[in-house]
Amino acid sequence: MKIVFLDRASVLADVKRPVCATEWQAYPASQAEQVVERLRGAAVVITNKAPITAAMLAQLPHLKLVAVAATGVNPVDLDACKLHGVVVSNIRDYAVHSVPEHVLMLMLNLRRNFLAYRQDVQAGEWQRASQFCLLTHPINDISGATLGIVGRGSIGLSVARMAEALGMRVLFAEHKGSSVVRDGYTAFTQVLQQADVLSLHCPLNEPTRGLIGAAELALMQPQALLINTARGGIVDEAALLQALQQGKLGGAGFDVLGSEPPAAGNPLLQSAPPNLIVTPHIAWASRQAMQTLADQLTDNIDAFARGEIRNRVV
């Protein structure tokens, strides 16, 4: 079984060669125009973010499995895979510690104005202070604060457990526009209105694209924080920047942007206010999480070769 890894450099872990592999090729990265040629004769392709499109699949009759080295499968045309009888598998529950810890890091930094104080110390403000401490920015505890969570998968639940352990009140948001509120959930608009911190943990699809725009931001408290470690397209970035600049939102912590890498620029990077933290899509990337991902990736492929269904998307 010929197996090709299109973007091996995106996983900094020991990716074991599947037992079923008779031929194994790994490229550090692959551009869209290189995919078809590199997959000639391959039965299995591993991709993290390299695209697999309908036009590509039409030229790859030997392909049987697209093994996505991530949970999100946005780079893969799932309808085309169904049409061509190609199975798609993904990775699940590997970052249940890494992403929630990143969420807490963003939340704590913003609530306590950590970066602003660090900048003041580096600028010599503490040295020039008239008393023993420097109180130039407001500091808020997360204990006693309300955390709203959009998405109740493994990551959202793990964030909730960590937040509750630190004394936060947690609300899970019902689907936007839903007329029925399920047990254990709170109406979407109520969560926006009550949350001191809103954290996003839902996939990017048609219902969630632009889920948080100007209207939703206007419902949030002016001191509230918005944390996004899910997908960039869930939030209207221009509307977010405007809310931050106009003082209508307390701050934001983003690990994802609408286009990655943001080579063509991004409004959140071009005019970064002090109450905005942007990290380069690394919430998932602890060494421990990446090794869990790598081990599960190999297991998915060998299971497919044995005729087993494991982590199948389509």
Protein backbone atom coordinates (compact mmCIF):
# COMPACT_ATOMS: atom_id res chain seq x y z
CA MET A 1 0.00 0.00 0.00
CA LYS A 2 1.60 3.28 -1.12
CA ILE A 3 1.16 6.01 1.47
CA VAL A 4 2.08 9.67 0.92
CA PHE A 5 2.27 12.34 3.65
CA LEU A 6 1.83 15.70 1.93
CA ASP A 7 2.81 18.04 4.80
CA ARG A 8 4.97 16.09 7.25
CA ALA A 9 6.59 19.24 8.68
CA SER A 10 3.26 20.26 10.22
CA VAL A 11 3.51 17.47 12.82
CA LEU A 12 6.53 17.75 15.12
CA ALA A 13 6.32 14.21 16.47
CA ASP A 14 7.48 10.69 15.77
CA VAL A 15 5.10 9.55 13.05
CA LYS A 16 5.55 5.79 12.86
CA ARG A 17 5.37 4.18 9.44
CA PRO A 18 2.13 2.19 9.22
CA VAL A 19 2.56 -1.58 9.18
CA CYS A 20 0.52 -1.76 5.97
CA ALA A 21 2.84 0.58 4.06
CA THR A 22 4.72 -1.06 1.19
CA GLU A 23 5.85 2.36 0.00
CA TRP A 24 6.13 5.47 2.19
CA GLN A 25 6.84 9.00 1.01
CA ALA A 26 6.79 12.09 3.20
CA TYR A 27 7.11 15.65 1.91
CA PRO A 28 7.74 18.55 4.32
CA ALA A 29 4.99 20.56 2.57
CA SER A 30 2.99 20.44 -0.65
CA GLN A 31 1.44 23.15 -2.77
CA ALA A 32 -1.93 22.51 -4.43
CA GLU A 33 -0.31 22.20 -7.87
CA GLN A 34 2.00 19.43 -6.58
CA VAL A 35 -0.65 17.20 -5.00
CA VAL A 36 -1.80 15.14 -7.98
CA GLU A 37 1.70 14.28 -9.17
CA ARG A 38 2.84 13.32 -5.68
CA LEU A 39 -0.19 11.07 -5.19
CA ARG A 40 0.12 9.09 -8.41
CA GLY A 41 -0.48 5.43 -7.53
CA ALA A 42 -1.05 6.17 -3.83
CA ALA A 43 -3.77 4.31 -1.94
CA VAL A 44 -3.51 6.54 1.14
CA VAL A 45 -2.79 10.23 1.49
CA ILE A 46 -2.02 11.93 4.79
CA THR A 47 -2.79 15.64 4.88
CA ASN A 48 -3.01 18.23 7.57
CA LYS A 49 -3.82 21.36 5.55
CA ALA A 50 -2.86 20.43 1.98
CA PRO A 51 -6.08 20.49 -0.10
CA ILE A 52 -7.80 17.45 -1.56
CA THR A 53 -10.29 18.70 -4.15
CA ALA A 54 -12.80 17.15 -6.54
CA ALA A 55 -10.54 17.92 -9.51
CA MET A 56 -7.63 16.15 -7.80
CA LEU A 57 -9.69 13.09 -6.88
CA ALA A 58 -10.84 12.69 -10.48
CA GLN A 59 -7.19 12.15 -11.43
CA LEU A 60 -6.36 9.73 -8.60
CA PRO A 61 -8.22 6.45 -9.25
CA HIS A 62 -6.02 4.44 -6.86
CA LEU A 63 -6.75 6.61 -3.83
CA LYS A 64 -8.76 4.82 -1.14
CA LEU A 65 -8.18 6.78 2.08
CA VAL A 66 -7.62 10.42 3.01
CA ALA A 67 -6.13 10.33 6.51
CA VAL A 68 -6.42 13.86 7.90
CA ALA A 69 -3.75 14.66 10.49
CA ALA A 70 -6.13 16.94 12.39
CA THR A 71 -9.69 17.05 13.68
CA GLY A 72 -10.95 19.62 11.19
CA VAL A 73 -11.42 18.32 7.64
CA ASN A 74 -12.05 21.64 5.87
CA PRO A 75 -9.25 21.16 3.27
CA VAL A 76 -10.94 17.99 1.98
CA ASP A 77 -13.90 17.94 -0.41
CA LEU A 78 -16.04 15.42 1.46
CA ASP A 79 -18.77 15.26 -1.19
CA ALA A 80 -16.21 14.43 -3.85
CA CYS A 81 -14.70 11.74 -1.60
CA LYS A 82 -18.14 10.15 -1.23
CA LEU A 83 -18.64 10.28 -4.99
CA HIS A 84 -15.32 8.53 -5.65
CA GLY A 85 -15.69 6.02 -2.81
CA VAL A 86 -12.75 7.47 -0.87
CA VAL A 87 -12.86 7.09 2.91
CA VAL A 88 -11.89 10.10 5.07
CA SER A 89 -10.65 9.69 8.64
CA ASN A 90 -9.58 12.30 11.16
CA ILE A 91 -7.92 12.65 14.58
CA ARG A 92 -10.05 12.99 17.69
CA ASP A 93 -9.64 14.05 21.32
CA TYR A 94 -5.85 14.47 21.04
CA ALA A 95 -5.68 18.10 22.25
CA VAL A 96 -8.03 17.87 25.23
CA HIS A 97 -5.30 19.30 27.45
CA SER A 98 -3.30 21.45 25.03
CA VAL A 99 -6.15 23.61 23.69
CA PRO A 100 -7.90 24.18 27.04
CA GLU A 101 -4.59 25.18 28.65
CA HIS A 102 -4.06 27.67 25.82
CA VAL A 103 -7.57 29.03 26.39
CA LEU A 104 -6.82 29.54 30.07
CA MET A 105 -3.50 31.18 29.21
CA LEU A 106 -5.22 33.71 26.93
CA MET A 107 -8.00 34.29 29.44
CA LEU A 108 -5.65 34.85 32.40
CA ASN A 109 -3.34 37.12 30.40
CA LEU A 110 -6.24 39.32 29.32
CA ARG A 111 -8.15 39.36 32.61
CA ARG A 112 -5.01 40.35 34.52
CA ASN A 113 -3.51 42.61 31.81
CA PHE A 114 -0.31 40.61 31.98
CA LEU A 115 1.21 41.80 28.70
CA ALA A 116 0.43 45.44 29.43
CA TYR A 117 2.19 45.21 32.79
CA ARG A 118 5.17 43.44 31.25
CA GLN A 119 5.42 46.23 28.68
CA ASP A 120 5.26 48.88 31.43
CA VAL A 121 8.09 47.21 33.37
CA GLN A 122 10.23 46.97 30.24
CA ALA A 123 9.54 50.67 29.59
CA GLY A 124 10.77 51.60 33.09
CA GLU A 125 7.38 52.58 34.51
CA TRP A 126 7.83 50.56 37.73
CA GLN A 127 11.25 52.05 38.29
CA ARG A 128 9.70 55.51 38.19
CA ALA A 129 6.70 54.62 40.37
CA SER A 130 6.02 56.61 43.55
CA GLN A 131 5.03 53.48 45.55
CA PHE A 132 5.97 49.83 45.86
CA CYS A 133 3.52 48.62 43.15
CA LEU A 134 2.41 49.81 39.75
CA LEU A 135 -1.35 49.99 39.16
CA THR A 136 -1.65 51.25 35.62
CA HIS A 137 -4.16 48.69 34.28
CA PRO A 138 -7.25 47.00 35.76
CA ILE A 139 -6.82 43.47 37.09
CA ASN A 140 -9.71 40.99 37.28
CA ASP A 141 -9.90 37.50 38.75
CA ILE A 142 -11.36 34.65 36.72
CA SER A 143 -12.74 33.08 39.90
CA GLY A 144 -16.40 34.06 40.12
CA ALA A 145 -16.54 35.11 36.46
CA THR A 146 -18.97 33.58 33.95
CA LEU A 147 -17.55 31.60 31.04
CA GLY A 148 -19.74 31.06 28.00
CA ILE A 149 -18.75 28.14 25.76
CA VAL A 150 -19.91 27.62 22.17
CA GLY A 151 -19.41 23.94 21.37
CA ARG A 152 -19.78 21.00 23.74
CA GLY A 153 -17.35 18.51 22.23
CA SER A 154 -14.33 17.08 24.02
CA ILE A 155 -12.44 20.39 23.94
CA GLY A 156 -15.37 22.47 25.16
CA LEU A 157 -16.03 20.02 28.00
CA SER A 158 -12.36 20.01 29.00
CA VAL A 159 -12.31 23.83 29.05
CA ALA A 160 -15.41 23.75 31.25
CA ARG A 161 -13.83 21.35 33.74
CA MET A 162 -10.68 23.46 34.04
CA ALA A 163 -12.67 26.68 34.36
CA GLU A 164 -14.94 25.24 37.05
CA ALA A 165 -11.89 24.06 38.96
CA LEU A 166 -10.76 27.69 39.04
CA GLY A 167 -14.12 28.89 40.36
CA MET A 168 -15.80 30.01 37.15
CA ARG A 169 -19.49 29.64 36.36
CA VAL A 170 -19.88 27.86 33.01
CA LEU A 171 -22.71 28.24 30.48
CA PHE A 172 -22.95 26.16 27.29
CA ALA A 173 -24.61 28.04 24.44
CA GLU A 174 -27.52 26.52 22.56
CA HIS A 175 -27.42 26.72 18.75
CA LYS A 176 -27.88 30.24 17.46
CA GLY A 177 -31.50 30.90 16.55
CA SER A 178 -32.78 27.66 18.07
CA SER A 179 -36.34 27.83 19.43
CA VAL A 180 -35.66 24.95 21.83
CA VAL A 181 -33.07 25.07 24.61
CA ARG A 182 -31.82 21.63 25.59
CA ASP A 183 -31.10 20.56 29.15
CA GLY A 184 -27.65 21.72 30.17
CA TYR A 185 -27.63 24.57 27.66
CA THR A 186 -28.51 28.27 27.78
CA ALA A 187 -30.02 30.29 24.95
CA PHE A 188 -27.35 31.66 22.62
CA THR A 189 -28.20 35.34 23.14
CA GLN A 190 -28.35 34.91 26.93
CA VAL A 191 -24.86 33.42 26.94
CA LEU A 192 -23.56 36.39 24.94
CA GLN A 193 -25.18 38.81 27.38
CA GLN A 194 -24.04 37.08 30.57
CA ALA A 195 -20.53 35.90 29.71
CA ASP A 196 -17.49 37.64 31.12
CA VAL A 197 -15.53 35.40 28.77
CA LEU A 198 -16.87 33.74 25.60
CA SER A 199 -14.80 30.82 24.26
CA LEU A 200 -15.45 29.23 20.85
CA HIS A 201 -15.06 25.47 20.35
CA CYS A 202 -17.24 24.64 17.35
CA PRO A 203 -16.29 23.49 13.84
CA LEU A 204 -16.31 25.84 10.87
CA ASN A 205 -19.25 25.01 8.61
CA GLU A 206 -22.06 26.91 6.95
CA PRO A 207 -24.11 27.38 10.17
CA THR A 208 -21.07 28.65 12.10
CA ARG A 209 -19.39 30.79 9.44
CA GLY A 210 -19.66 34.37 10.68
CA LEU A 211 -21.38 33.13 13.85
CA ILE A 212 -19.98 36.08 15.81
CA GLY A 213 -20.45 39.35 13.95
CA ALA A 214 -21.25 42.96 14.79
CA ALA A 215 -24.73 42.14 16.10
CA GLU A 216 -23.45 39.41 18.41
CA LEU A 217 -20.55 41.52 19.67
CA ALA A 218 -23.02 44.31 20.48
CA LEU A 219 -24.84 41.93 22.83
CA MET A 220 -21.72 41.20 24.85
CA GLN A 221 -20.71 43.14 27.95
CA PRO A 222 -18.23 45.95 27.23
CA GLN A 223 -15.65 44.36 29.57
CA ALA A 224 -16.12 40.82 28.20
CA LEU A 225 -13.41 38.78 26.48
CA LEU A 226 -13.74 36.75 23.28
CA ILE A 227 -11.45 33.70 22.95
CA ASN A 228 -11.20 31.83 19.65
CA THR A 229 -9.07 28.69 19.37
CA ALA A 230 -11.49 27.02 16.92
CA ARG A 231 -11.47 28.48 13.38
CA GLY A 232 -10.97 32.01 12.11
CA GLY A 233 -14.04 32.12 9.88
CA ILE A 234 -16.36 31.81 12.86
CA VAL A 235 -15.77 35.47 13.76
CA ASP A 236 -16.12 38.61 11.62
CA GLU A 237 -12.61 39.93 12.20
CA ALA A 238 -13.32 43.47 10.95
CA ALA A 239 -16.30 43.76 13.31
CA LEU A 240 -14.17 42.45 16.19
CA LEU A 241 -11.44 45.00 15.56
CA GLN A 242 -14.01 47.81 15.47
CA ALA A 243 -15.51 46.65 18.78
CA LEU A 244 -12.07 46.59 20.41
CA GLN A 245 -11.10 49.99 19.06
CA GLN A 246 -14.39 51.55 20.18
CA GLY A 247 -14.17 50.09 23.69
CA LYS A 248 -17.23 47.89 23.19
CA LEU A 249 -15.32 44.73 24.13
CA GLY A 250 -12.82 44.16 26.92
CA GLY A 251 -10.36 42.12 24.90
CA ALA A 252 -9.83 39.16 22.60
CA GLY A 253 -7.48 36.19 22.42
CA PHE A 254 -7.23 34.51 19.01
CA ASP A 255 -5.18 31.50 17.95
CA VAL A 256 -6.81 31.31 14.51
CA LEU A 257 -7.47 33.70 11.64
CA GLY A 258 -9.66 33.61 8.56
CA SER A 259 -6.68 32.97 6.29
CA GLU A 260 -3.57 31.12 7.45
CA PRO A 261 -0.79 32.01 7.17
CA PRO A 262 -1.98 35.63 6.96
CA ALA A 263 0.50 36.46 4.20
CA ALA A 264 -1.85 38.97 2.59
CA GLY A 265 -2.41 40.76 5.89
CA ASN A 266 -5.26 40.69 8.35
CA PRO A 267 -7.13 43.51 10.13
CA LEU A 268 -6.29 42.01 13.53
CA LEU A 269 -2.57 42.09 12.75
CA GLN A 270 -2.43 45.40 10.91
CA SER A 271 -3.83 47.40 13.83
CA ALA A 272 -3.32 45.35 16.97
CA PRO A 273 -4.81 47.06 20.05
CA PRO A 274 -3.20 46.31 23.45
CA ASN A 275 -6.17 44.22 24.57
CA LEU A 276 -5.76 41.76 21.69
CA ILE A 277 -3.51 38.68 21.80
CA VAL A 278 -2.96 36.71 18.60
CA THR A 279 -0.98 33.45 18.61
CA PRO A 280 -0.05 31.57 15.39
CA HIS A 281 -2.43 28.56 15.49
CA ILE A 282 -0.47 26.72 18.17
CA ALA A 283 -3.12 25.93 20.81
CA TRP A 284 -3.17 22.30 19.61
CA ALA A 285 0.60 21.96 19.33
CA SER A 286 2.00 20.80 22.66
CA ARG A 287 4.59 18.04 22.23
CA GLN A 288 2.34 15.64 24.09
CA ALA A 289 -0.70 16.44 21.94
CA MET A 290 1.24 16.11 18.69
CA GLN A 291 2.57 12.69 19.67
CA THR A 292 -0.95 11.55 20.53
CA LEU A 293 -2.03 12.82 17.10
CA ALA A 294 0.83 10.99 15.35
CA ASP A 295 0.09 7.68 17.08
CA GLN A 296 -3.62 7.92 16.29
CA LEU A 297 -2.84 8.77 12.67
CA THR A 298 -0.84 5.58 12.20
CA ASP A 299 -3.51 3.55 14.01
CA ASN A 300 -6.23 4.97 11.73
CA ILE A 301 -4.37 3.88 8.60
CA ASP A 302 -3.55 0.38 9.84
CA ALA A 303 -7.14 -0.06 11.01
CA PHE A 304 -8.38 0.91 7.54
CA ALA A 305 -6.03 -1.62 5.97
CA ARG A 306 -7.54 -4.30 8.22
CA GLY A 307 -11.05 -3.34 7.14
CA GLU A 308 -11.97 -1.67 10.42
CA ILE A 309 -13.91 1.58 10.76
CA ARG A 310 -12.02 4.02 12.97
CA ASN A 311 -12.50 7.79 13.19
CA ARG A 312 -14.30 7.74 9.85
CA VAL A 313 -15.78 11.04 8.67
CA VAL A 314 -17.17 9.76 5.34
